[in-house]
């Protein structure tokens, strides 16, 4: 089964060393997957699905909450 995804999102981005490190780790992982012959289209689909799932789970709000 095939289907299309269209993603529109607005993010409050930061330009700092911590963000650069996160980007480097993610791109390194993706590069490793490509070296292992992963299908680039499947990688893009996985990234899109992960973003959608993170937004729908409200992970950003959960990460900001403090549990006592």
C-alpha atoms as a PDB file:
ATOM      1  CA  UNK A   1       0.000   0.000   0.000  1.00  0.00           C
ATOM      2  CA  UNK A   2       1.293   3.469  -0.836  1.00  0.00           C
ATOM      3  CA  UNK A   3       0.137   6.819   0.471  1.00  0.00           C
ATOM      4  CA  UNK A   4       1.276  10.422   0.446  1.00  0.00           C
ATOM      5  CA  UNK A   5       2.258  12.588   3.393  1.00  0.00           C
ATOM      6  CA  UNK A   6       2.273  16.354   3.457  1.00  0.00           C
ATOM      7  CA  UNK A   7       3.807  17.932   6.515  1.00  0.00           C
ATOM      8  CA  UNK A   8       3.394  21.558   7.490  1.00  0.00           C
ATOM      9  CA  UNK A   9       4.826  22.578  10.833  1.00  0.00           C
ATOM     10  CA  UNK A  10       6.123  25.572  12.649  1.00  0.00           C
ATOM     11  CA  UNK A  11       9.036  25.115  15.008  1.00  0.00           C
ATOM     12  CA  UNK A  12      10.721  27.540  17.365  1.00  0.00           C
ATOM     13  CA  UNK A  13      14.317  26.840  16.331  1.00  0.00           C
ATOM     14  CA  UNK A  14      17.503  27.523  18.246  1.00  0.00           C
ATOM     15  CA  UNK A  15      20.937  28.224  16.832  1.00  0.00           C
ATOM     16  CA  UNK A  16      23.352  26.968  19.446  1.00  0.00           C
ATOM     17  CA  UNK A  17      25.979  24.302  20.072  1.00  0.00           C
ATOM     18  CA  UNK A  18      23.509  21.874  21.631  1.00  0.00           C
ATOM     19  CA  UNK A  19      21.316  22.033  18.528  1.00  0.00           C
ATOM     20  CA  UNK A  20      24.346  21.599  16.286  1.00  0.00           C
ATOM     21  CA  UNK A  21      25.253  18.447  18.243  1.00  0.00           C
ATOM     22  CA  UNK A  22      21.730  17.004  17.877  1.00  0.00           C
ATOM     23  CA  UNK A  23      21.784  17.698  14.147  1.00  0.00           C
ATOM     24  CA  UNK A  24      25.214  16.090  13.806  1.00  0.00           C
ATOM     25  CA  UNK A  25      24.097  12.941  15.644  1.00  0.00           C
ATOM     26  CA  UNK A  26      20.967  12.606  13.513  1.00  0.00           C
ATOM     27  CA  UNK A  27      22.757  13.194  10.212  1.00  0.00           C
ATOM     28  CA  UNK A  28      25.511  10.783  11.249  1.00  0.00           C
ATOM     29  CA  UNK A  29      22.916   8.092  11.947  1.00  0.00           C
ATOM     30  CA  UNK A  30      21.194   8.745   8.623  1.00  0.00           C
ATOM     31  CA  UNK A  31      24.537   8.632   6.818  1.00  0.00           C
ATOM     32  CA  UNK A  32      25.319   5.291   8.451  1.00  0.00           C
ATOM     33  CA  UNK A  33      21.940   3.935   7.345  1.00  0.00           C
ATOM     34  CA  UNK A  34      22.630   5.048   3.763  1.00  0.00           C
ATOM     35  CA  UNK A  35      26.045   3.349   3.862  1.00  0.00           C
ATOM     36  CA  UNK A  36      24.191   0.199   4.958  1.00  0.00           C
ATOM     37  CA  UNK A  37      22.103   0.538   1.771  1.00  0.00           C
ATOM     38  CA  UNK A  38      18.914   1.750   3.418  1.00  0.00           C
ATOM     39  CA  UNK A  39      16.412   3.113   0.909  1.00  0.00           C
ATOM     40  CA  UNK A  40      16.553   6.951   1.049  1.00  0.00           C
ATOM     41  CA  UNK A  41      12.788   7.153   0.475  1.00  0.00           C
ATOM     42  CA  UNK A  42      12.166   4.876   3.440  1.00  0.00           C
ATOM     43  CA  UNK A  43      14.460   7.024   5.589  1.00  0.00           C
ATOM     44  CA  UNK A  44      12.530  10.156   4.610  1.00  0.00           C
ATOM     45  CA  UNK A  45       9.223   8.405   5.328  1.00  0.00           C
ATOM     46  CA  UNK A  46      10.517   7.283   8.723  1.00  0.00           C
ATOM     47  CA  UNK A  47      11.603  10.822   9.586  1.00  0.00           C
ATOM     48  CA  UNK A  48       8.217  12.217   8.530  1.00  0.00           C
ATOM     49  CA  UNK A  49       6.321   9.591  10.515  1.00  0.00           C
ATOM     50  CA  UNK A  50       8.512  10.207  13.568  1.00  0.00           C
ATOM     51  CA  UNK A  51       7.846  13.969  13.394  1.00  0.00           C
ATOM     52  CA  UNK A  52       4.118  13.390  13.067  1.00  0.00           C
ATOM     53  CA  UNK A  53       4.110  10.926  15.958  1.00  0.00           C
ATOM     54  CA  UNK A  54       6.140  13.254  18.175  1.00  0.00           C
ATOM     55  CA  UNK A  55       3.713  16.095  17.505  1.00  0.00           C
ATOM     56  CA  UNK A  56       0.627  13.956  18.028  1.00  0.00           C
ATOM     57  CA  UNK A  57       1.995  12.571  21.292  1.00  0.00           C
ATOM     58  CA  UNK A  58       2.751  16.115  22.456  1.00  0.00           C
ATOM     59  CA  UNK A  59       6.241  14.978  23.428  1.00  0.00           C
ATOM     60  CA  UNK A  60       7.437  18.571  23.550  1.00  0.00           C
ATOM     61  CA  UNK A  61       4.980  19.413  26.329  1.00  0.00           C
ATOM     62  CA  UNK A  62       5.763  16.172  28.169  1.00  0.00           C
ATOM     63  CA  UNK A  63       9.461  17.009  28.058  1.00  0.00           C
ATOM     64  CA  UNK A  64       8.790  20.407  29.672  1.00  0.00           C
ATOM     65  CA  UNK A  65       6.747  19.011  32.564  1.00  0.00           C
ATOM     66  CA  UNK A  66       8.374  18.340  35.904  1.00  0.00           C
ATOM     67  CA  UNK A  67       7.433  15.206  37.803  1.00  0.00           C
ATOM     68  CA  UNK A  68       7.797  15.391  41.572  1.00  0.00           C
END
